[in-house]
PDB file of all heavy atoms in Angstrom:
ATOM      1  N   ASP A   1      -7.999 -37.506  13.346  1.00  0.00           N
ATOM      2  CA  ASP A   1      -8.332 -38.906  13.404  1.00  0.00           C
ATOM      3  C   ASP A   1      -8.900 -39.430  12.059  1.00  0.00           C
ATOM      4  O   ASP A   1      -9.080 -40.631  11.863  1.00  0.00           O
ATOM      5  CB  ASP A   1      -9.279 -39.212  14.524  1.00  0.00           C
ATOM      6  CG  ASP A   1     -10.557 -38.438  14.421  1.00  0.00           C
ATOM      7  OD1 ASP A   1     -10.567 -37.246  13.953  1.00  0.00           O
ATOM      8  OD2 ASP A   1     -11.651 -38.927  14.785  1.00  0.00           O
ATOM      9  N   GLY A   2      -9.228 -38.463  11.185  1.00  0.00           N
ATOM     10  CA  GLY A   2      -9.892 -38.815   9.930  1.00  0.00           C
ATOM     11  C   GLY A   2      -8.980 -39.610   8.991  1.00  0.00           C
ATOM     12  O   GLY A   2      -9.529 -40.480   8.234  1.00  0.00           O
ATOM     13  N   ARG A   3      -7.728 -39.397   9.019  1.00  0.00           N
ATOM     14  CA  ARG A   3      -6.796 -40.059   8.090  1.00  0.00           C
ATOM     15  C   ARG A   3      -6.866 -41.607   8.310  1.00  0.00           C
ATOM     16  O   ARG A   3      -7.047 -42.387   7.393  1.00  0.00           O
ATOM     17  CB  ARG A   3      -5.393 -39.552   8.218  1.00  0.00           C
ATOM     18  CG  ARG A   3      -4.418 -40.090   7.219  1.00  0.00           C
ATOM     19  CD  ARG A   3      -3.063 -39.487   7.383  1.00  0.00           C
ATOM     20  NE  ARG A   3      -3.052 -38.024   7.096  1.00  0.00           N
ATOM     21  CZ  ARG A   3      -2.997 -37.106   8.045  1.00  0.00           C
ATOM     22  NH1 ARG A   3      -2.948 -37.405   9.283  1.00  0.00           N
ATOM     23  NH2 ARG A   3      -2.999 -35.809   7.666  1.00  0.00           N
ATOM     24  N   GLU A   4      -6.703 -41.991   9.564  1.00  0.00           N
ATOM     25  CA  GLU A   4      -6.706 -43.456   9.867  1.00  0.00           C
ATOM     26  C   GLU A   4      -8.088 -44.053   9.653  1.00  0.00           C
ATOM     27  O   GLU A   4      -8.243 -45.143   9.134  1.00  0.00           O
ATOM     28  CB  GLU A   4      -6.253 -43.685  11.318  1.00  0.00           C
ATOM     29  CG  GLU A   4      -5.959 -45.135  11.673  1.00  0.00           C
ATOM     30  CD  GLU A   4      -7.216 -45.959  11.976  1.00  0.00           C
ATOM     31  OE1 GLU A   4      -8.150 -45.372  12.520  1.00  0.00           O
ATOM     32  OE2 GLU A   4      -7.238 -47.168  11.655  1.00  0.00           O
ATOM     33  N   ASN A   5      -9.127 -43.326  10.044  1.00  0.00           N
ATOM     34  CA  ASN A   5     -10.493 -43.791   9.844  1.00  0.00           C
ATOM     35  C   ASN A   5     -10.769 -44.041   8.374  1.00  0.00           C
ATOM     36  O   ASN A   5     -11.351 -45.046   7.994  1.00  0.00           O
ATOM     37  CB  ASN A   5     -11.512 -42.823  10.407  1.00  0.00           C
ATOM     38  CG  ASN A   5     -11.568 -42.832  11.964  1.00  0.00           C
ATOM     39  OD1 ASN A   5     -10.979 -43.705  12.596  1.00  0.00           O
ATOM     40  ND2 ASN A   5     -12.244 -41.891  12.513  1.00  0.00           N
ATOM     41  N   LEU A   6     -10.360 -43.067   7.536  1.00  0.00           N
ATOM     42  CA  LEU A   6     -10.582 -43.185   6.067  1.00  0.00           C
ATOM     43  C   LEU A   6      -9.839 -44.375   5.510  1.00  0.00           C
ATOM     44  O   LEU A   6     -10.416 -45.171   4.775  1.00  0.00           O
ATOM     45  CB  LEU A   6     -10.176 -41.895   5.437  1.00  0.00           C
ATOM     46  CG  LEU A   6     -10.156 -41.885   3.874  1.00  0.00           C
ATOM     47  CD1 LEU A   6     -11.587 -42.104   3.354  1.00  0.00           C
ATOM     48  CD2 LEU A   6      -9.584 -40.576   3.363  1.00  0.00           C
ATOM     49  N   ILE A   7      -8.543 -44.447   5.756  1.00  0.00           N
ATOM     50  CA  ILE A   7      -7.702 -45.465   5.178  1.00  0.00           C
ATOM     51  C   ILE A   7      -8.188 -46.861   5.583  1.00  0.00           C
ATOM     52  O   ILE A   7      -8.299 -47.784   4.754  1.00  0.00           O
ATOM     53  CB  ILE A   7      -6.235 -45.269   5.490  1.00  0.00           C
ATOM     54  CG1 ILE A   7      -5.733 -43.982   4.842  1.00  0.00           C
ATOM     55  CG2 ILE A   7      -5.356 -46.467   5.114  1.00  0.00           C
ATOM     56  CD1 ILE A   7      -4.338 -43.558   5.257  1.00  0.00           C
ATOM     57  N   THR A   8      -8.466 -47.030   6.870  1.00  0.00           N
ATOM     58  CA  THR A   8      -8.907 -48.353   7.298  1.00  0.00           C
ATOM     59  C   THR A   8     -10.276 -48.716   6.828  1.00  0.00           C
ATOM     60  O   THR A   8     -10.533 -49.891   6.460  1.00  0.00           O
ATOM     61  CB  THR A   8      -8.839 -48.442   8.855  1.00  0.00           C
ATOM     62  OG1 THR A   8      -7.507 -48.056   9.297  1.00  0.00           O
ATOM     63  CG2 THR A   8      -9.150 -49.836   9.330  1.00  0.00           C
ATOM     64  N   ALA A   9     -11.196 -47.761   6.723  1.00  0.00           N
ATOM     65  CA  ALA A   9     -12.490 -48.029   6.177  1.00  0.00           C
ATOM     66  C   ALA A   9     -12.392 -48.495   4.753  1.00  0.00           C
ATOM     67  O   ALA A   9     -13.122 -49.463   4.325  1.00  0.00           O
ATOM     68  CB  ALA A   9     -13.362 -46.807   6.296  1.00  0.00           C
ATOM     69  N   ILE A  10     -11.528 -47.937   3.982  1.00  0.00           N
ATOM     70  CA  ILE A  10     -11.304 -48.312   2.591  1.00  0.00           C
ATOM     71  C   ILE A  10     -10.728 -49.734   2.565  1.00  0.00           C
ATOM     72  O   ILE A  10     -11.185 -50.597   1.780  1.00  0.00           O
ATOM     73  CB  ILE A  10     -10.394 -47.358   1.877  1.00  0.00           C
ATOM     74  CG1 ILE A  10     -11.065 -45.986   1.710  1.00  0.00           C
ATOM     75  CG2 ILE A  10      -9.990 -47.897   0.486  1.00  0.00           C
ATOM     76  CD1 ILE A  10     -10.171 -44.901   1.151  1.00  0.00           C
ATOM     77  N   GLU A  11      -9.799 -49.988   3.413  1.00  0.00           N
ATOM     78  CA  GLU A  11      -9.193 -51.350   3.451  1.00  0.00           C
ATOM     79  C   GLU A  11     -10.223 -52.419   3.821  1.00  0.00           C
ATOM     80  O   GLU A  11     -10.252 -53.496   3.224  1.00  0.00           O
ATOM     81  CB  GLU A  11      -8.024 -51.362   4.427  1.00  0.00           C
ATOM     82  CG  GLU A  11      -7.275 -52.678   4.462  1.00  0.00           C
ATOM     83  CD  GLU A  11      -5.991 -52.578   5.308  1.00  0.00           C
ATOM     84  OE1 GLU A  11      -5.769 -51.529   5.862  1.00  0.00           O
ATOM     85  OE2 GLU A  11      -5.274 -53.567   5.325  1.00  0.00           O
ATOM     86  N   ILE A  12     -11.084 -52.128   4.778  1.00  0.00           N
ATOM     87  CA  ILE A  12     -12.133 -53.064   5.200  1.00  0.00           C
ATOM     88  C   ILE A  12     -13.191 -53.278   4.046  1.00  0.00           C
ATOM     89  O   ILE A  12     -13.579 -54.374   3.768  1.00  0.00           O
ATOM     90  CB  ILE A  12     -12.839 -52.571   6.465  1.00  0.00           C
ATOM     91  CG1 ILE A  12     -11.880 -52.665   7.643  1.00  0.00           C
ATOM     92  CG2 ILE A  12     -14.110 -53.399   6.744  1.00  0.00           C
ATOM     93  CD1 ILE A  12     -12.396 -51.977   8.900  1.00  0.00           C
ATOM     94  N   ALA A  13     -13.538 -52.190   3.371  1.00  0.00           N
ATOM     95  CA  ALA A  13     -14.487 -52.297   2.249  1.00  0.00           C
ATOM     96  C   ALA A  13     -13.934 -53.121   1.120  1.00  0.00           C
ATOM     97  O   ALA A  13     -14.678 -53.759   0.356  1.00  0.00           O
ATOM     98  CB  ALA A  13     -14.877 -50.877   1.784  1.00  0.00           C
ATOM     99  N   ALA A  14     -12.602 -53.084   0.963  1.00  0.00           N
ATOM    100  CA  ALA A  14     -11.955 -53.851  -0.140  1.00  0.00           C
ATOM    101  C   ALA A  14     -11.613 -55.276   0.274  1.00  0.00           C
ATOM    102  O   ALA A  14     -11.229 -56.091  -0.624  1.00  0.00           O
ATOM    103  CB  ALA A  14     -10.737 -53.106  -0.547  1.00  0.00           C
ATOM    104  N   ALA A  15     -11.688 -55.604   1.543  1.00  0.00           N
ATOM    105  CA  ALA A  15     -11.177 -56.890   2.016  1.00  0.00           C
ATOM    106  C   ALA A  15     -12.003 -58.073   1.524  1.00  0.00           C
ATOM    107  O   ALA A  15     -13.212 -58.111   1.679  1.00  0.00           O
ATOM    108  CB  ALA A  15     -11.110 -56.880   3.582  1.00  0.00           C
ATOM    109  N   ARG A  16     -11.308 -59.029   0.925  1.00  0.00           N
ATOM    110  CA  ARG A  16     -11.968 -60.254   0.452  1.00  0.00           C
ATOM    111  C   ARG A  16     -11.142 -61.457   0.896  1.00  0.00           C
ATOM    112  O   ARG A  16      -9.958 -61.412   1.035  1.00  0.00           O
ATOM    113  CB  ARG A  16     -12.137 -60.195  -1.055  1.00  0.00           C
ATOM    114  CG  ARG A  16     -13.118 -59.227  -1.588  1.00  0.00           C
ATOM    115  CD  ARG A  16     -13.276 -59.264  -3.079  1.00  0.00           C
ATOM    116  NE  ARG A  16     -12.070 -58.710  -3.795  1.00  0.00           N
ATOM    117  CZ  ARG A  16     -11.835 -58.823  -5.094  1.00  0.00           C
ATOM    118  NH1 ARG A  16     -12.716 -59.480  -5.861  1.00  0.00           N
ATOM    119  NH2 ARG A  16     -10.797 -58.289  -5.619  1.00  0.00           N
ATOM    120  N   GLU A  17     -11.857 -62.543   0.965  1.00  0.00           N
ATOM    121  CA  GLU A  17     -11.161 -63.800   1.289  1.00  0.00           C
ATOM    122  C   GLU A  17     -11.841 -64.910   0.455  1.00  0.00           C
ATOM    123  O   GLU A  17     -13.059 -65.069   0.477  1.00  0.00           O
ATOM    124  CB  GLU A  17     -11.334 -64.122   2.778  1.00  0.00           C
ATOM    125  CG  GLU A  17     -10.524 -65.300   3.262  1.00  0.00           C
ATOM    126  CD  GLU A  17     -10.547 -65.452   4.759  1.00  0.00           C
ATOM    127  OE1 GLU A  17     -11.611 -65.800   5.263  1.00  0.00           O
ATOM    128  OE2 GLU A  17      -9.538 -65.193   5.434  1.00  0.00           O
ATOM    129  N   ALA A  18     -11.016 -65.593  -0.320  1.00  0.00           N
ATOM    130  CA  ALA A  18     -11.551 -66.624  -1.226  1.00  0.00           C
ATOM    131  C   ALA A  18     -12.577 -66.015  -2.187  1.00  0.00           C
ATOM    132  O   ALA A  18     -13.570 -66.668  -2.514  1.00  0.00           O
ATOM    133  CB  ALA A  18     -12.128 -67.820  -0.479  1.00  0.00           C
ATOM    134  N   GLY A  19     -12.381 -64.760  -2.606  1.00  0.00           N
ATOM    135  CA  GLY A  19     -13.225 -64.155  -3.518  1.00  0.00           C
ATOM    136  C   GLY A  19     -14.516 -63.576  -2.964  1.00  0.00           C
ATOM    137  O   GLY A  19     -15.336 -63.012  -3.676  1.00  0.00           O
ATOM    138  N   ARG A  20     -14.716 -63.693  -1.609  1.00  0.00           N
ATOM    139  CA  ARG A  20     -15.942 -63.182  -1.003  1.00  0.00           C
ATOM    140  C   ARG A  20     -15.561 -62.040  -0.041  1.00  0.00           C
ATOM    141  O   ARG A  20     -14.529 -62.005   0.575  1.00  0.00           O
ATOM    142  CB  ARG A  20     -16.638 -64.299  -0.165  1.00  0.00           C
ATOM    143  CG  ARG A  20     -17.023 -65.436  -1.024  1.00  0.00           C
ATOM    144  CD  ARG A  20     -17.665 -66.501  -0.092  1.00  0.00           C
ATOM    145  NE  ARG A  20     -18.926 -66.078   0.477  1.00  0.00           N
ATOM    146  CZ  ARG A  20     -19.544 -66.682   1.472  1.00  0.00           C
ATOM    147  NH1 ARG A  20     -18.956 -67.750   2.055  1.00  0.00           N
ATOM    148  NH2 ARG A  20     -20.717 -66.269   1.937  1.00  0.00           N
ATOM    149  N   ALA A  21     -16.448 -61.031   0.060  1.00  0.00           N
ATOM    150  CA  ALA A  21     -16.239 -59.932   1.004  1.00  0.00           C
ATOM    151  C   ALA A  21     -16.175 -60.497   2.405  1.00  0.00           C
ATOM    152  O   ALA A  21     -16.975 -61.347   2.813  1.00  0.00           O
ATOM    153  CB  ALA A  21     -17.393 -58.937   0.876  1.00  0.00           C
ATOM    154  N   ILE A  22     -15.283 -59.921   3.216  1.00  0.00           N
ATOM    155  CA  ILE A  22     -15.121 -60.383   4.587  1.00  0.00           C
ATOM    156  C   ILE A  22     -16.274 -59.809   5.471  1.00  0.00           C
ATOM    157  O   ILE A  22     -16.753 -60.476   6.366  1.00  0.00           O
ATOM    158  CB  ILE A  22     -13.778 -59.955   5.152  1.00  0.00           C
ATOM    159  CG1 ILE A  22     -12.627 -60.766   4.379  1.00  0.00           C
ATOM    160  CG2 ILE A  22     -13.677 -60.259   6.611  1.00  0.00           C
ATOM    161  CD1 ILE A  22     -11.244 -60.436   4.820  1.00  0.00           C
ATOM    162  N   VAL A  23     -16.672 -58.569   5.162  1.00  0.00           N
ATOM    163  CA  VAL A  23     -17.745 -57.934   5.988  1.00  0.00           C
ATOM    164  C   VAL A  23     -18.868 -57.483   5.077  1.00  0.00           C
ATOM    165  O   VAL A  23     -18.980 -56.270   4.807  1.00  0.00           O
ATOM    166  CB  VAL A  23     -17.158 -56.735   6.796  1.00  0.00           C
ATOM    167  CG1 VAL A  23     -18.224 -56.297   7.800  1.00  0.00           C
ATOM    168  CG2 VAL A  23     -15.867 -57.106   7.501  1.00  0.00           C
ATOM    169  N   PRO A  24     -19.725 -58.368   4.624  1.00  0.00           N
ATOM    170  CA  PRO A  24     -20.755 -58.045   3.638  1.00  0.00           C
ATOM    171  C   PRO A  24     -22.051 -57.508   4.341  1.00  0.00           C
ATOM    172  O   PRO A  24     -23.137 -58.049   4.188  1.00  0.00           O
ATOM    173  CB  PRO A  24     -21.068 -59.377   2.978  1.00  0.00           C
ATOM    174  CG  PRO A  24     -20.816 -60.391   4.057  1.00  0.00           C
ATOM    175  CD  PRO A  24     -19.659 -59.855   4.881  1.00  0.00           C
ATOM    176  N   GLU A  25     -21.866 -56.488   5.127  1.00  0.00           N
ATOM    177  CA  GLU A  25     -23.033 -55.812   5.766  1.00  0.00           C
ATOM    178  C   GLU A  25     -22.772 -54.342   5.926  1.00  0.00           C
ATOM    179  O   GLU A  25     -21.668 -53.878   5.665  1.00  0.00           O
ATOM    180  CB  GLU A  25     -23.370 -56.499   7.088  1.00  0.00           C
ATOM    181  CG  GLU A  25     -22.267 -56.459   8.164  1.00  0.00           C
ATOM    182  CD  GLU A  25     -22.777 -56.972   9.517  1.00  0.00           C
ATOM    183  OE1 GLU A  25     -23.707 -56.314  10.082  1.00  0.00           O
ATOM    184  OE2 GLU A  25     -22.290 -57.997   9.983  1.00  0.00           O
ATOM    185  N   VAL A  26     -23.762 -53.601   6.391  1.00  0.00           N
ATOM    186  CA  VAL A  26     -23.560 -52.169   6.636  1.00  0.00           C
ATOM    187  C   VAL A  26     -22.918 -52.081   8.010  1.00  0.00           C
ATOM    188  O   VAL A  26     -23.460 -52.512   9.015  1.00  0.00           O
ATOM    189  CB  VAL A  26     -24.936 -51.416   6.628  1.00  0.00           C
ATOM    190  CG1 VAL A  26     -24.670 -49.932   6.833  1.00  0.00           C
ATOM    191  CG2 VAL A  26     -25.617 -51.624   5.274  1.00  0.00           C
ATOM    192  N   SER A  27     -21.767 -51.389   8.039  1.00  0.00           N
ATOM    193  CA  SER A  27     -20.987 -51.333   9.281  1.00  0.00           C
ATOM    194  C   SER A  27     -20.566 -49.812   9.492  1.00  0.00           C
ATOM    195  O   SER A  27     -20.756 -48.991   8.612  1.00  0.00           O
ATOM    196  CB  SER A  27     -19.745 -52.186   9.178  1.00  0.00           C
ATOM    197  OG  SER A  27     -18.939 -51.847   8.081  1.00  0.00           O
ATOM    198  N   LEU A  28     -19.972 -49.626  10.619  1.00  0.00           N
ATOM    199  CA  LEU A  28     -19.495 -48.288  10.974  1.00  0.00           C
ATOM    200  C   LEU A  28     -18.094 -48.438  11.643  1.00  0.00           C
ATOM    201  O   LEU A  28     -17.937 -49.151  12.566  1.00  0.00           O
ATOM    202  CB  LEU A  28     -20.487 -47.611  12.000  1.00  0.00           C
ATOM    203  CG  LEU A  28     -20.269 -46.105  12.308  1.00  0.00           C
ATOM    204  CD1 LEU A  28     -21.595 -45.511  12.781  1.00  0.00           C
ATOM    205  CD2 LEU A  28     -19.170 -45.958  13.369  1.00  0.00           C
ATOM    206  N   TYR A  29     -17.076 -47.771  11.020  1.00  0.00           N
ATOM    207  CA  TYR A  29     -15.743 -47.881  11.499  1.00  0.00           C
ATOM    208  C   TYR A  29     -15.344 -46.566  12.141  1.00  0.00           C
ATOM    209  O   TYR A  29     -15.533 -45.504  11.587  1.00  0.00           O
ATOM    210  CB  TYR A  29     -14.768 -48.189  10.401  1.00  0.00           C
ATOM    211  CG  TYR A  29     -13.361 -48.225  10.917  1.00  0.00           C
ATOM    212  CD1 TYR A  29     -12.883 -49.298  11.705  1.00  0.00           C
ATOM    213  CD2 TYR A  29     -12.462 -47.152  10.716  1.00  0.00           C
ATOM    214  CE1 TYR A  29     -11.663 -49.326  12.257  1.00  0.00           C
ATOM    215  CE2 TYR A  29     -11.215 -47.172  11.238  1.00  0.00           C
ATOM    216  CZ  TYR A  29     -10.761 -48.223  12.030  1.00  0.00           C
ATOM    217  OH  TYR A  29      -9.518 -48.264  12.600  1.00  0.00           O
ATOM    218  N   PHE A  30     -14.799 -46.647  13.416  1.00  0.00           N
ATOM    219  CA  PHE A  30     -14.358 -45.469  14.076  1.00  0.00           C
ATOM    220  C   PHE A  30     -13.358 -45.857  15.137  1.00  0.00           C
ATOM    221  O   PHE A  30     -13.553 -46.751  15.947  1.00  0.00           O
ATOM    222  CB  PHE A  30     -15.514 -44.737  14.726  1.00  0.00           C
ATOM    223  CG  PHE A  30     -15.514 -43.257  14.595  1.00  0.00           C
ATOM    224  CD1 PHE A  30     -16.113 -42.617  13.498  1.00  0.00           C
ATOM    225  CD2 PHE A  30     -14.948 -42.440  15.558  1.00  0.00           C
ATOM    226  CE1 PHE A  30     -16.069 -41.253  13.377  1.00  0.00           C
ATOM    227  CE2 PHE A  30     -14.898 -41.051  15.456  1.00  0.00           C
ATOM    228  CZ  PHE A  30     -15.472 -40.452  14.303  1.00  0.00           C
ATOM    229  N   GLN A  31     -12.221 -45.184  15.094  1.00  0.00           N
ATOM    230  CA  GLN A  31     -11.179 -45.261  16.100  1.00  0.00           C
ATOM    231  C   GLN A  31     -10.853 -46.742  16.517  1.00  0.00           C
ATOM    232  O   GLN A  31     -11.053 -47.202  17.593  1.00  0.00           O
ATOM    233  CB  GLN A  31     -11.604 -44.495  17.380  1.00  0.00           C
ATOM    234  CG  GLN A  31     -10.507 -44.306  18.444  1.00  0.00           C
ATOM    235  CD  GLN A  31      -9.391 -43.380  17.943  1.00  0.00           C
ATOM    236  OE1 GLN A  31      -9.507 -42.712  16.960  1.00  0.00           O
ATOM    237  NE2 GLN A  31      -8.251 -43.356  18.661  1.00  0.00           N
ATOM    238  N   ASN A  32     -10.377 -47.458  15.467  1.00  0.00           N
ATOM    239  CA  ASN A  32      -9.834 -48.787  15.638  1.00  0.00           C
ATOM    240  C   ASN A  32     -10.855 -49.866  15.921  1.00  0.00           C
ATOM    241  O   ASN A  32     -10.524 -51.010  16.240  1.00  0.00           O
ATOM    242  CB  ASN A  32      -8.807 -48.832  16.822  1.00  0.00           C
ATOM    243  CG  ASN A  32      -7.710 -47.853  16.602  1.00  0.00           C
ATOM    244  OD1 ASN A  32      -7.250 -47.627  15.469  1.00  0.00           O
ATOM    245  ND2 ASN A  32      -7.206 -47.251  17.649  1.00  0.00           N
ATOM    246  N   ARG A  33     -12.105 -49.592  15.704  1.00  0.00           N
ATOM    247  CA  ARG A  33     -13.185 -50.656  15.856  1.00  0.00           C
ATOM    248  C   ARG A  33     -14.214 -50.525  14.770  1.00  0.00           C
ATOM    249  O   ARG A  33     -14.650 -49.483  14.395  1.00  0.00           O
ATOM    250  CB  ARG A  33     -13.816 -50.538  17.258  1.00  0.00           C
ATOM    251  CG  ARG A  33     -12.873 -50.561  18.429  1.00  0.00           C
ATOM    252  CD  ARG A  33     -13.523 -50.846  19.711  1.00  0.00           C
ATOM    253  NE  ARG A  33     -13.690 -52.302  19.908  1.00  0.00           N
ATOM    254  CZ  ARG A  33     -14.468 -52.818  20.904  1.00  0.00           C
ATOM    255  NH1 ARG A  33     -15.083 -52.044  21.733  1.00  0.00           N
ATOM    256  NH2 ARG A  33     -14.543 -54.142  21.030  1.00  0.00           N
ATOM    257  N   LEU A  34     -14.562 -51.717  14.313  1.00  0.00           N
ATOM    258  CA  LEU A  34     -15.645 -51.838  13.302  1.00  0.00           C
ATOM    259  C   LEU A  34     -16.874 -52.419  13.956  1.00  0.00           C
ATOM    260  O   LEU A  34     -16.814 -53.486  14.596  1.00  0.00           O
ATOM    261  CB  LEU A  34     -15.180 -52.727  12.130  1.00  0.00           C
ATOM    262  CG  LEU A  34     -16.225 -52.887  11.012  1.00  0.00           C
ATOM    263  CD1 LEU A  34     -16.368 -51.673  10.176  1.00  0.00           C
ATOM    264  CD2 LEU A  34     -15.867 -54.092  10.131  1.00  0.00           C
ATOM    265  N   PHE A  35     -18.017 -51.740  13.806  1.00  0.00           N
ATOM    266  CA  PHE A  35     -19.252 -52.178  14.456  1.00  0.00           C
ATOM    267  C   PHE A  35     -20.362 -52.444  13.392  1.00  0.00           C
ATOM    268  O   PHE A  35     -20.295 -51.913  12.273  1.00  0.00           O
ATOM    269  CB  PHE A  35     -19.819 -51.053  15.363  1.00  0.00           C
ATOM    270  CG  PHE A  35     -18.870 -50.580  16.420  1.00  0.00           C
ATOM    271  CD1 PHE A  35     -18.303 -49.328  16.405  1.00  0.00           C
ATOM    272  CD2 PHE A  35     -18.507 -51.431  17.510  1.00  0.00           C
ATOM    273  CE1 PHE A  35     -17.441 -48.886  17.385  1.00  0.00           C
ATOM    274  CE2 PHE A  35     -17.685 -51.025  18.494  1.00  0.00           C
ATOM    275  CZ  PHE A  35     -17.106 -49.745  18.439  1.00  0.00           C
ATOM    276  N   ARG A  36     -21.276 -53.319  13.756  1.00  0.00           N
ATOM    277  CA  ARG A  36     -22.521 -53.381  12.991  1.00  0.00           C
ATOM    278  C   ARG A  36     -23.222 -52.045  13.104  1.00  0.00           C
ATOM    279  O   ARG A  36     -23.490 -51.599  14.245  1.00  0.00           O
ATOM    280  CB  ARG A  36     -23.396 -54.502  13.515  1.00  0.00           C
ATOM    281  CG  ARG A  36     -24.774 -54.591  12.751  1.00  0.00           C
ATOM    282  CD  ARG A  36     -25.519 -55.912  13.084  1.00  0.00           C
ATOM    283  NE  ARG A  36     -24.713 -57.034  12.571  1.00  0.00           N
ATOM    284  CZ  ARG A  36     -24.840 -58.273  13.017  1.00  0.00           C
ATOM    285  NH1 ARG A  36     -25.709 -58.552  13.984  1.00  0.00           N
ATOM    286  NH2 ARG A  36     -24.144 -59.205  12.453  1.00  0.00           N
ATOM    287  N   ALA A  37     -23.581 -51.445  12.006  1.00  0.00           N
ATOM    288  CA  ALA A  37     -24.068 -50.045  12.007  1.00  0.00           C
ATOM    289  C   ALA A  37     -25.313 -49.906  12.866  1.00  0.00           C
ATOM    290  O   ALA A  37     -25.426 -48.955  13.635  1.00  0.00           O
ATOM    291  CB  ALA A  37     -24.320 -49.586  10.560  1.00  0.00           C
ATOM    292  N   ASN A  38     -26.258 -50.830  12.727  1.00  0.00           N
ATOM    293  CA  ASN A  38     -27.518 -50.632  13.436  1.00  0.00           C
ATOM    294  C   ASN A  38     -27.452 -51.029  14.935  1.00  0.00           C
ATOM    295  O   ASN A  38     -28.475 -51.095  15.604  1.00  0.00           O
ATOM    296  CB  ASN A  38     -28.681 -51.366  12.706  1.00  0.00           C
ATOM    297  CG  ASN A  38     -28.374 -52.865  12.557  1.00  0.00           C
ATOM    298  OD1 ASN A  38     -27.759 -53.499  13.402  1.00  0.00           O
ATOM    299  ND2 ASN A  38     -28.849 -53.391  11.451  1.00  0.00           N
ATOM    300  N   ARG A  39     -26.228 -51.269  15.400  1.00  0.00           N
ATOM    301  CA  ARG A  39     -26.025 -51.489  16.843  1.00  0.00           C
ATOM    302  C   ARG A  39     -25.293 -50.328  17.518  1.00  0.00           C
ATOM    303  O   ARG A  39     -25.018 -50.363  18.684  1.00  0.00           O
ATOM    304  CB  ARG A  39     -25.210 -52.763  17.060  1.00  0.00           C
ATOM    305  CG  ARG A  39     -25.892 -54.029  16.689  1.00  0.00           C
ATOM    306  CD  ARG A  39     -26.950 -54.409  17.733  1.00  0.00           C
ATOM    307  NE  ARG A  39     -27.458 -55.766  17.596  1.00  0.00           N
ATOM    308  CZ  ARG A  39     -27.927 -56.458  18.614  1.00  0.00           C
ATOM    309  NH1 ARG A  39     -28.003 -55.969  19.814  1.00  0.00           N
ATOM    310  NH2 ARG A  39     -28.394 -57.701  18.428  1.00  0.00           N
ATOM    311  N   THR A  40     -25.011 -49.263  16.703  1.00  0.00           N
ATOM    312  CA  THR A  40     -24.132 -48.192  17.263  1.00  0.00           C
ATOM    313  C   THR A  40     -24.944 -47.052  17.770  1.00  0.00           C
ATOM    314  O   THR A  40     -26.066 -46.806  17.469  1.00  0.00           O
ATOM    315  CB  THR A  40     -23.212 -47.669  16.130  1.00  0.00           C
ATOM    316  OG1 THR A  40     -23.996 -47.100  15.092  1.00  0.00           O
ATOM    317  CG2 THR A  40     -22.320 -48.786  15.588  1.00  0.00           C
ATOM    318  N   LYS A  41     -24.180 -46.310  18.597  1.00  0.00           N
ATOM    319  CA  LYS A  41     -24.664 -45.043  19.162  1.00  0.00           C
ATOM    320  C   LYS A  41     -23.497 -44.108  19.359  1.00  0.00           C
ATOM    321  O   LYS A  41     -22.439 -44.559  19.808  1.00  0.00           O
ATOM    322  CB  LYS A  41     -25.381 -45.326  20.513  1.00  0.00           C
ATOM    323  CG  LYS A  41     -25.939 -44.085  21.197  1.00  0.00           C
ATOM    324  CD  LYS A  41     -26.603 -44.462  22.518  1.00  0.00           C
ATOM    325  CE  LYS A  41     -27.857 -45.220  22.304  1.00  0.00           C
ATOM    326  NZ  LYS A  41     -28.954 -44.386  21.731  1.00  0.00           N
ATOM    327  N   LYS A  42     -23.666 -42.845  18.973  1.00  0.00           N
ATOM    328  CA  LYS A  42     -22.620 -41.913  19.306  1.00  0.00           C
ATOM    329  C   LYS A  42     -22.683 -41.595  20.788  1.00  0.00           C
ATOM    330  O   LYS A  42     -23.673 -41.059  21.285  1.00  0.00           O
ATOM    331  CB  LYS A  42     -22.749 -40.577  18.505  1.00  0.00           C
ATOM    332  CG  LYS A  42     -21.591 -39.625  18.773  1.00  0.00           C
ATOM    333  CD  LYS A  42     -21.677 -38.370  17.917  1.00  0.00           C
ATOM    334  CE  LYS A  42     -20.470 -37.456  18.238  1.00  0.00           C
ATOM    335  NZ  LYS A  42     -20.521 -36.188  17.487  1.00  0.00           N
ATOM    336  N   HIS A  43     -21.614 -41.938  21.565  1.00  0.00           N
ATOM    337  CA  HIS A  43     -21.665 -41.843  22.960  1.00  0.00           C
ATOM    338  C   HIS A  43     -20.744 -40.739  23.531  1.00  0.00           C
ATOM    339  O   HIS A  43     -20.718 -40.509  24.718  1.00  0.00           O
ATOM    340  CB  HIS A  43     -21.331 -43.189  23.632  1.00  0.00           C
ATOM    341  CG  HIS A  43     -19.897 -43.521  23.604  1.00  0.00           C
ATOM    342  ND1 HIS A  43     -19.201 -44.004  24.705  1.00  0.00           N
ATOM    343  CD2 HIS A  43     -18.948 -43.516  22.565  1.00  0.00           C
ATOM    344  CE1 HIS A  43     -17.924 -44.235  24.367  1.00  0.00           C
ATOM    345  NE2 HIS A  43     -17.796 -43.925  23.134  1.00  0.00           N
ATOM    346  N   SER A  44     -19.993 -40.054  22.667  1.00  0.00           N
ATOM    347  CA  SER A  44     -19.136 -38.956  23.143  1.00  0.00           C
ATOM    348  C   SER A  44     -19.051 -37.906  22.108  1.00  0.00           C
ATOM    349  O   SER A  44     -18.855 -38.164  20.910  1.00  0.00           O
ATOM    350  CB  SER A  44     -17.762 -39.493  23.486  1.00  0.00           C
ATOM    351  OG  SER A  44     -16.908 -38.428  23.853  1.00  0.00           O
ATOM    352  N   ALA A  45     -19.127 -36.663  22.576  1.00  0.00           N
ATOM    353  CA  ALA A  45     -19.018 -35.489  21.677  1.00  0.00           C
ATOM    354  C   ALA A  45     -17.573 -35.063  21.557  1.00  0.00           C
ATOM    355  O   ALA A  45     -17.204 -34.254  20.651  1.00  0.00           O
ATOM    356  CB  ALA A  45     -19.827 -34.313  22.188  1.00  0.00           C
TER     357      ALA A  45
END
């Protein structure tokens, strides 16, 4: 699952609109969803 997580995380980090970052905060991307980092919890091993 690392390939998709890596590629999409890079795409999100690079994403800009009208010269501004689309997600200018600390986030966590995993398995098709991007979360605010400080709202996350690892819920499955």
